[in-house]
Protein backbone atom coordinates (compact mmCIF):
# COMPACT_ATOMS: atom_id res chain seq x y z
CA UNK A 1 -8.25 3.03 -15.50
CA UNK A 2 -5.78 5.66 -14.27
CA UNK A 3 -2.24 4.28 -14.38
CA UNK A 4 0.56 5.69 -12.26
CA UNK A 5 3.50 4.99 -9.97
CA UNK A 6 4.07 4.91 -6.23
CA UNK A 7 6.97 7.34 -5.85
CA UNK A 8 9.16 5.67 -3.19
CA UNK A 9 11.44 4.13 -5.83
CA UNK A 10 12.20 7.64 -7.11
CA UNK A 11 13.06 9.16 -3.73
CA UNK A 12 16.65 9.39 -5.03
CA UNK A 13 15.77 12.43 -7.17
CA UNK A 14 13.77 15.67 -6.89
CA UNK A 15 10.03 15.59 -7.49
CA UNK A 16 10.37 17.47 -10.78
CA UNK A 17 12.68 14.76 -12.16
CA UNK A 18 10.43 12.00 -10.83
CA UNK A 19 7.50 13.53 -12.72
CA UNK A 20 9.57 13.53 -15.93
CA UNK A 21 10.31 9.82 -15.50
CA UNK A 22 6.64 8.99 -14.92
CA UNK A 23 5.40 11.05 -17.87
CA UNK A 24 8.08 9.53 -20.10
CA UNK A 25 6.65 6.08 -19.42
CA UNK A 26 3.17 7.14 -20.49
CA UNK A 27 1.82 7.08 -16.93
CA UNK A 28 -0.37 9.89 -15.62
CA UNK A 29 -0.40 9.53 -11.83
CA UNK A 30 1.96 9.67 -8.87
CA UNK A 31 1.09 8.22 -5.48
CA UNK A 32 3.15 10.26 -3.03
CA UNK A 33 4.63 8.87 0.17
CA UNK A 34 3.44 11.08 3.00
CA UNK A 35 4.96 9.46 6.11
CA UNK A 36 4.81 6.21 8.06
CA UNK A 37 7.67 3.81 7.40
CA UNK A 38 9.27 6.24 4.93
CA UNK A 39 9.76 10.02 5.11
CA UNK A 40 7.70 12.32 2.87
CA UNK A 41 10.61 13.07 0.53
CA UNK A 42 8.52 14.57 -2.27
CA UNK A 43 6.11 16.44 0.00
CA UNK A 44 8.37 17.69 2.82
CA UNK A 45 5.97 20.46 3.87
CA UNK A 46 3.02 18.11 4.32
CA UNK A 47 2.27 19.46 7.79
CA UNK A 48 1.87 22.95 6.36
CA UNK A 49 -0.21 21.62 3.46
CA UNK A 50 -2.50 19.85 5.93
CA UNK A 51 -3.16 23.18 7.65
CA UNK A 52 -3.25 25.56 4.70
CA UNK A 53 -5.17 25.41 1.41
CA UNK A 54 -2.86 28.12 0.12
CA UNK A 55 0.18 25.94 0.81
CA UNK A 56 -1.55 23.05 -0.95
CA UNK A 57 -2.33 25.19 -3.99
CA UNK A 58 1.27 26.37 -4.12
CA UNK A 59 2.50 22.76 -4.02
CA UNK A 60 0.18 21.79 -6.87
CA UNK A 61 1.88 24.27 -9.22
CA UNK A 62 4.77 21.78 -9.48
CA UNK A 63 2.48 19.46 -11.45
CA UNK A 64 1.25 22.03 -13.96
CA UNK A 65 2.12 21.10 -17.54
CA UNK A 66 3.75 17.79 -16.58
CA UNK A 67 0.92 15.49 -17.67
CA UNK A 68 1.10 13.86 -14.24
CA UNK A 69 -1.26 14.43 -11.34
CA UNK A 70 -1.37 13.20 -7.76
CA UNK A 71 -3.04 9.80 -7.51
CA UNK A 72 -3.28 9.42 -3.76
CA UNK A 73 -1.08 9.81 -0.69
CA UNK A 74 0.63 6.83 0.96
CA UNK A 75 1.66 6.63 4.63
CA UNK A 76 2.08 2.88 5.16
CA UNK A 77 3.11 2.17 8.74
CA UNK A 78 1.88 0.66 11.99
CA UNK A 79 -0.45 3.13 13.71
CA UNK A 80 -1.36 0.46 16.30
CA UNK A 81 2.23 -0.32 17.29
CA UNK A 82 2.24 -0.60 21.11
CA UNK A 83 5.48 1.38 21.32
CA UNK A 84 4.29 5.01 21.14
CA UNK A 85 7.59 6.08 19.58
CA UNK A 86 6.37 4.26 16.48
CA UNK A 87 2.60 3.88 16.84
CA UNK A 88 1.77 7.45 17.80
CA UNK A 89 3.97 8.86 15.04
CA UNK A 90 2.47 6.67 12.34
CA UNK A 91 -1.06 7.42 13.58
CA UNK A 92 -0.33 11.15 13.42
CA UNK A 93 0.98 10.71 9.87
CA UNK A 94 -2.36 9.20 8.83
CA UNK A 95 -4.31 12.12 10.29
CA UNK A 96 -1.97 14.63 8.64
CA UNK A 97 -2.23 12.79 5.32
CA UNK A 98 -6.03 12.90 5.41
CA UNK A 99 -6.06 16.65 6.02
CA UNK A 100 -3.38 17.22 3.37
CA UNK A 101 -5.27 15.08 0.86
CA UNK A 102 -8.41 17.15 1.39
CA UNK A 103 -6.54 20.40 0.76
CA UNK A 104 -4.89 18.91 -2.34
CA UNK A 105 -8.23 17.82 -3.77
CA UNK A 106 -7.41 14.15 -3.24
CA UNK A 107 -9.83 11.46 -2.07
CA UNK A 108 -7.48 8.54 -1.33
CA UNK A 109 -4.99 7.91 1.47
CA UNK A 110 -3.24 4.53 1.50
CA UNK A 111 -1.96 2.97 4.70
CA UNK A 112 -2.06 -0.26 6.73
CA UNK A 113 -4.38 -1.35 9.52
CA UNK A 114 -1.47 -1.75 11.93
CA UNK A 115 -0.97 -4.45 14.54
CA UNK A 116 -1.18 -4.04 18.35
CA UNK A 117 0.68 -5.98 21.00
CA UNK A 118 -0.81 -9.16 22.38
CA UNK A 119 -1.27 -7.99 25.97
CA UNK A 120 -1.21 -4.78 28.01
CA UNK A 121 2.36 -3.59 28.52
CA UNK A 122 3.73 -5.17 25.32
CA UNK A 123 6.12 -3.02 23.29
CA UNK A 124 6.14 -5.24 20.21
CA UNK A 125 3.27 -6.19 17.87
CA UNK A 126 2.01 -9.77 18.00
CA UNK A 127 0.70 -11.39 14.80
CA UNK A 128 -1.26 -14.60 15.32
CA UNK A 129 -0.74 -16.46 12.05
CA UNK A 130 -2.73 -19.66 12.65
CA UNK A 131 -5.06 -19.26 15.61
CA UNK A 132 -6.00 -22.87 16.23
CA UNK A 133 -6.02 -22.42 20.02
CA UNK A 134 -8.50 -20.44 22.11
CA UNK A 135 -5.87 -18.13 23.64
CA UNK A 136 -4.88 -16.90 20.20
CA UNK A 137 -8.47 -16.08 19.30
CA UNK A 138 -8.84 -14.25 22.61
CA UNK A 139 -5.78 -12.20 21.71
CA UNK A 140 -7.14 -11.41 18.25
CA UNK A 141 -10.46 -10.31 19.77
CA UNK A 142 -8.56 -7.92 22.05
CA UNK A 143 -6.55 -6.59 19.12
CA UNK A 144 -9.70 -5.94 17.12
CA UNK A 145 -11.14 -3.95 20.01
CA UNK A 146 -8.05 -1.73 19.91
CA UNK A 147 -8.17 -1.48 16.12
CA UNK A 148 -11.88 -0.67 15.94
CA UNK A 149 -11.50 2.10 18.53
CA UNK A 150 -8.66 3.68 16.54
CA UNK A 151 -10.17 3.28 13.08
CA UNK A 152 -13.55 4.66 14.12
CA UNK A 153 -11.80 7.94 14.87
CA UNK A 154 -9.90 7.88 11.56
CA UNK A 155 -13.11 6.98 9.71
CA UNK A 156 -14.84 10.04 11.15
CA UNK A 157 -11.94 12.31 10.20
CA UNK A 158 -11.87 10.88 6.68
CA UNK A 159 -15.63 11.24 6.28
CA UNK A 160 -15.55 14.84 7.49
CA UNK A 161 -12.90 15.65 4.87
CA UNK A 162 -14.29 13.73 1.90
CA UNK A 163 -11.44 11.22 1.92
CA UNK A 164 -11.41 7.42 1.78
CA UNK A 165 -8.65 5.49 3.52
CA UNK A 166 -7.45 2.38 1.68
CA UNK A 167 -5.79 -0.29 3.82
CA UNK A 168 -3.21 -2.48 2.12
CA UNK A 169 -3.94 -6.16 2.78
CA UNK A 170 -0.47 -6.81 4.16
CA UNK A 171 0.73 -9.68 6.37
CA UNK A 172 1.96 -8.80 9.86
CA UNK A 173 -1.06 -6.51 10.11
CA UNK A 174 -4.36 -7.23 11.80
CA UNK A 175 -6.06 -6.67 8.43
CA UNK A 176 -4.39 -8.82 5.76
CA UNK A 177 -7.18 -10.61 3.86
CA UNK A 178 -10.89 -10.20 2.97
CA UNK A 179 -12.12 -11.75 6.22
CA UNK A 180 -10.18 -9.30 8.40
CA UNK A 181 -11.08 -6.13 6.48
CA UNK A 182 -14.72 -7.21 6.51
CA UNK A 183 -14.57 -7.77 10.26
CA UNK A 184 -12.98 -4.36 10.90
CA UNK A 185 -15.51 -2.50 8.75
CA UNK A 186 -18.54 -4.32 10.13
CA UNK A 187 -17.44 -4.31 13.77
CA UNK A 188 -16.65 -0.60 13.61
CA UNK A 189 -19.55 0.45 11.39
CA UNK A 190 -16.97 2.15 9.16
CA UNK A 191 -17.97 4.01 6.00
CA UNK A 192 -14.73 5.49 4.65
CA UNK A 193 -12.28 2.66 5.34
CA UNK A 194 -11.66 0.10 2.61
CA UNK A 195 -8.87 -1.62 0.70
CA UNK A 196 -5.85 -0.84 -1.40
CA UNK A 197 -5.67 -3.97 -3.53
CA UNK A 198 -1.96 -4.81 -3.80
CA UNK A 199 -1.94 -8.10 -5.70
CA UNK A 200 1.58 -9.07 -4.63
CA UNK A 201 0.84 -9.93 -1.00
CA UNK A 202 -2.18 -11.93 -2.07
CA UNK A 203 -0.21 -13.98 -4.60
CA UNK A 204 2.28 -15.39 -2.10
CA UNK A 205 -0.50 -16.22 0.36
CA UNK A 206 -2.07 -18.30 -2.45
CA UNK A 207 -5.03 -15.96 -2.93
CA UNK A 208 -6.31 -14.92 -6.35
CA UNK A 209 -6.36 -11.10 -6.54
CA UNK A 210 -9.02 -11.13 -9.26
CA UNK A 211 -11.32 -13.23 -7.07
CA UNK A 212 -10.55 -11.00 -4.08
CA UNK A 213 -11.50 -7.84 -5.98
CA UNK A 214 -14.81 -9.35 -7.01
CA UNK A 215 -15.43 -10.63 -3.49
CA UNK A 216 -14.81 -7.26 -1.85
CA UNK A 217 -16.44 -5.16 -4.58
CA UNK A 218 -17.04 -1.57 -3.40
CA UNK A 219 -14.64 -2.01 -0.47
CA UNK A 220 -11.79 -1.77 -3.02
CA UNK A 221 -10.86 1.91 -3.21
CA UNK A 222 -7.40 1.88 -4.81
CA UNK A 223 -4.89 -0.57 -6.33
CA UNK A 224 -1.18 -1.32 -6.59
CA UNK A 225 0.46 -3.17 -9.47
CA UNK A 226 3.24 -5.39 -8.12
CA UNK A 227 3.99 -9.00 -9.03
CA UNK A 228 5.35 -12.02 -7.15
CA UNK A 229 7.29 -15.07 -8.29
CA UNK A 230 7.04 -18.17 -6.10
CA UNK A 231 10.42 -19.97 -6.09
CA UNK A 232 11.37 -23.66 -5.78
CA UNK A 233 12.48 -23.01 -2.16
CA UNK A 234 8.81 -22.70 -1.24
CA UNK A 235 8.50 -26.46 -1.63
CA UNK A 236 10.98 -26.88 1.24
CA UNK A 237 10.39 -23.96 3.62
CA UNK A 238 6.92 -22.77 2.63
CA UNK A 239 5.85 -19.17 2.04
CA UNK A 240 6.09 -18.24 5.74
CA UNK A 241 9.86 -18.80 5.78
CA UNK A 242 11.63 -16.49 8.27
CA UNK A 243 15.23 -16.86 7.00
CA UNK A 244 15.88 -13.12 7.07
CA UNK A 245 19.19 -11.61 8.20
CA UNK A 246 19.26 -8.78 10.72
CA UNK A 247 21.46 -6.00 9.35
CA UNK A 248 24.08 -4.56 11.73
CA UNK A 249 24.49 -0.83 12.28
CA UNK A 250 27.52 -0.59 9.97
CA UNK A 251 25.55 -1.77 6.91
CA UNK A 252 23.05 0.31 4.93
CA UNK A 253 19.55 -0.31 6.26
CA UNK A 254 16.10 1.27 6.23
CA UNK A 255 14.62 2.59 9.46
CA UNK A 256 10.95 1.70 10.05
CA UNK A 257 10.48 3.91 13.11
CA UNK A 258 12.07 3.93 16.56
CA UNK A 259 14.74 1.23 16.67
CA UNK A 260 13.12 -1.05 14.07
CA UNK A 261 14.85 -1.73 10.75
CA UNK A 262 14.16 -3.65 7.56
CA UNK A 263 16.00 -6.99 7.41
CA UNK A 264 17.91 -8.48 4.50
CA UNK A 265 15.75 -10.70 2.30
CA UNK A 266 16.46 -14.47 2.47
CA UNK A 267 19.15 -15.64 0.04
CA UNK A 268 17.20 -18.74 -1.04
CA UNK A 269 13.81 -17.08 -0.86
CA UNK A 270 10.52 -18.92 -1.09
CA UNK A 271 9.16 -16.02 -3.13
CA UNK A 272 10.24 -12.63 -4.43
CA UNK A 273 8.63 -9.37 -5.42
CA UNK A 274 9.15 -8.98 -9.17
CA UNK A 275 8.20 -6.53 -11.88
CA UNK A 276 4.87 -7.08 -13.62
CA UNK A 277 5.05 -9.92 -16.11
CA UNK A 278 7.80 -11.85 -14.33
CA UNK A 279 5.34 -13.68 -12.11
CA UNK A 280 2.07 -13.41 -14.03
CA UNK A 281 1.62 -12.61 -17.72
CA UNK A 282 -0.11 -9.69 -19.41
CA UNK A 283 -3.30 -11.71 -19.82
CA UNK A 284 -3.54 -12.07 -16.05
CA UNK A 285 -3.02 -8.36 -15.47
CA UNK A 286 -5.70 -7.61 -18.06
CA UNK A 287 -8.18 -9.62 -15.99
CA UNK A 288 -6.96 -7.90 -12.82
CA UNK A 289 -7.72 -4.53 -14.41
CA UNK A 290 -11.06 -5.85 -15.63
CA UNK A 291 -12.09 -6.77 -12.10
CA UNK A 292 -11.05 -3.34 -10.82
CA UNK A 293 -12.90 -1.67 -13.71
CA UNK A 294 -16.07 -3.47 -12.63
CA UNK A 295 -15.74 -1.78 -9.23
CA UNK A 296 -14.64 1.66 -10.43
CA UNK A 297 -13.67 2.49 -14.06
CA UNK A 298 -11.75 5.52 -12.78
CA UNK A 299 -9.73 3.68 -10.12
CA UNK A 300 -6.05 4.57 -9.74
CA UNK A 301 -3.69 1.62 -10.31
CA UNK A 302 -0.14 2.52 -9.32
CA UNK A 303 3.01 0.52 -10.00
CA UNK A 304 5.14 -0.31 -6.96
CA UNK A 305 8.68 -1.36 -7.89
CA UNK A 306 10.50 -3.69 -5.49
CA UNK A 307 12.23 -6.05 -7.93
CA UNK A 308 15.83 -6.04 -6.67
CA UNK A 309 17.06 -7.75 -9.85
CA UNK A 310 16.21 -4.63 -11.86
CA UNK A 311 17.38 -1.04 -11.53
CA UNK A 312 15.05 1.75 -10.50
CA UNK A 313 14.19 2.95 -14.00
CA UNK A 314 14.56 -0.46 -15.64
CA UNK A 315 12.06 -2.05 -13.28
CA UNK A 316 9.52 0.73 -13.78
CA UNK A 317 9.91 0.44 -17.55
CA UNK A 318 9.22 -3.30 -17.48
CA UNK A 319 6.18 -2.88 -15.24
CA UNK A 320 4.81 0.09 -17.19
CA UNK A 321 5.03 -1.80 -20.49
CA UNK A 322 3.04 -4.74 -19.10
CA UNK A 323 0.46 -2.59 -17.30
CA UNK A 324 -0.07 -0.36 -20.35
CA UNK A 325 -0.46 -3.38 -22.62
CA UNK A 326 -2.95 -4.93 -20.19
CA UNK A 327 -4.95 -1.68 -20.07
CA UNK A 328 -5.01 -1.48 -23.87
CA UNK A 329 -6.23 -5.08 -24.06
CA UNK A 330 -8.96 -4.33 -21.53
CA UNK A 331 -10.05 -1.22 -23.44
CA UNK A 332 -10.19 -3.16 -26.70
CA UNK A 333 -12.23 -5.96 -25.18
CA UNK A 334 -14.71 -3.53 -23.62
CA UNK A 335 -15.16 -1.78 -26.97
CA UNK A 336 -16.17 -5.02 -28.66
CA UNK A 337 -18.31 -6.39 -25.84
């Protein structure tokens, strides 16, 4: 497997220093944020790179001699957001990322399916969590029509440029589990749209990422290594708890596009993102890598650090130690099989 890091956690430093951190941890890949919810800090001239092979080649010189190479572009966002201030921008970022990836010699762009509004004229997305009533299923059918129309165009662009687009199975998106990615691909006749298997969002929904990988098989294009710990509060409020706090303008907050902002995580959370090993042990991650290896022995598996109890470097160190140990255990077991 190819082990690396999603770079958002290192947006606080120049790309050259981020590459030093990654190489120092024994990792060989960097998944670079290229737009969407977050700005393309480490690839600020992505628009130029998307248009010019020469600009792409010039950018690639930064990686020479570092021992680290690009392991995909990431533009997670909501390209189906009914507010064009957000949706159109995120959709454009996906198209730009595909063209940039092609010029950079990359074959993977990570993003999300997005989520439309529920009805014409809506300016906010509408996620139907438990569609037990007919009206909700009618709404979902309408949303899939919108999604299929959009993703057919992206699929064609990706196919024309030798790129595969990996959708993160992420709640509050139309595609968030195996059933929904299968529906999108089959309904749209898509060939270059598949999955970025981020185990963390599957854990808290009570899915087994290993089983999901084996269920989806060749639809898994890319992977993220991020863990989850389910807390005692889940027994009281469940994993769909909405006890978030809206941050006022005078507090530091992250813009998600337009006038949408990330909220503060619940104080007594039902679950938390944690570094690898703090939710599931090395043996589990070895089996996760084994399942991915069965799909593609050369798949990129990139750490995503969102454990707020650990510092930027500390959290990456913890995750890298577990992921490296799991990969070594997998390699040893394959050698003796």
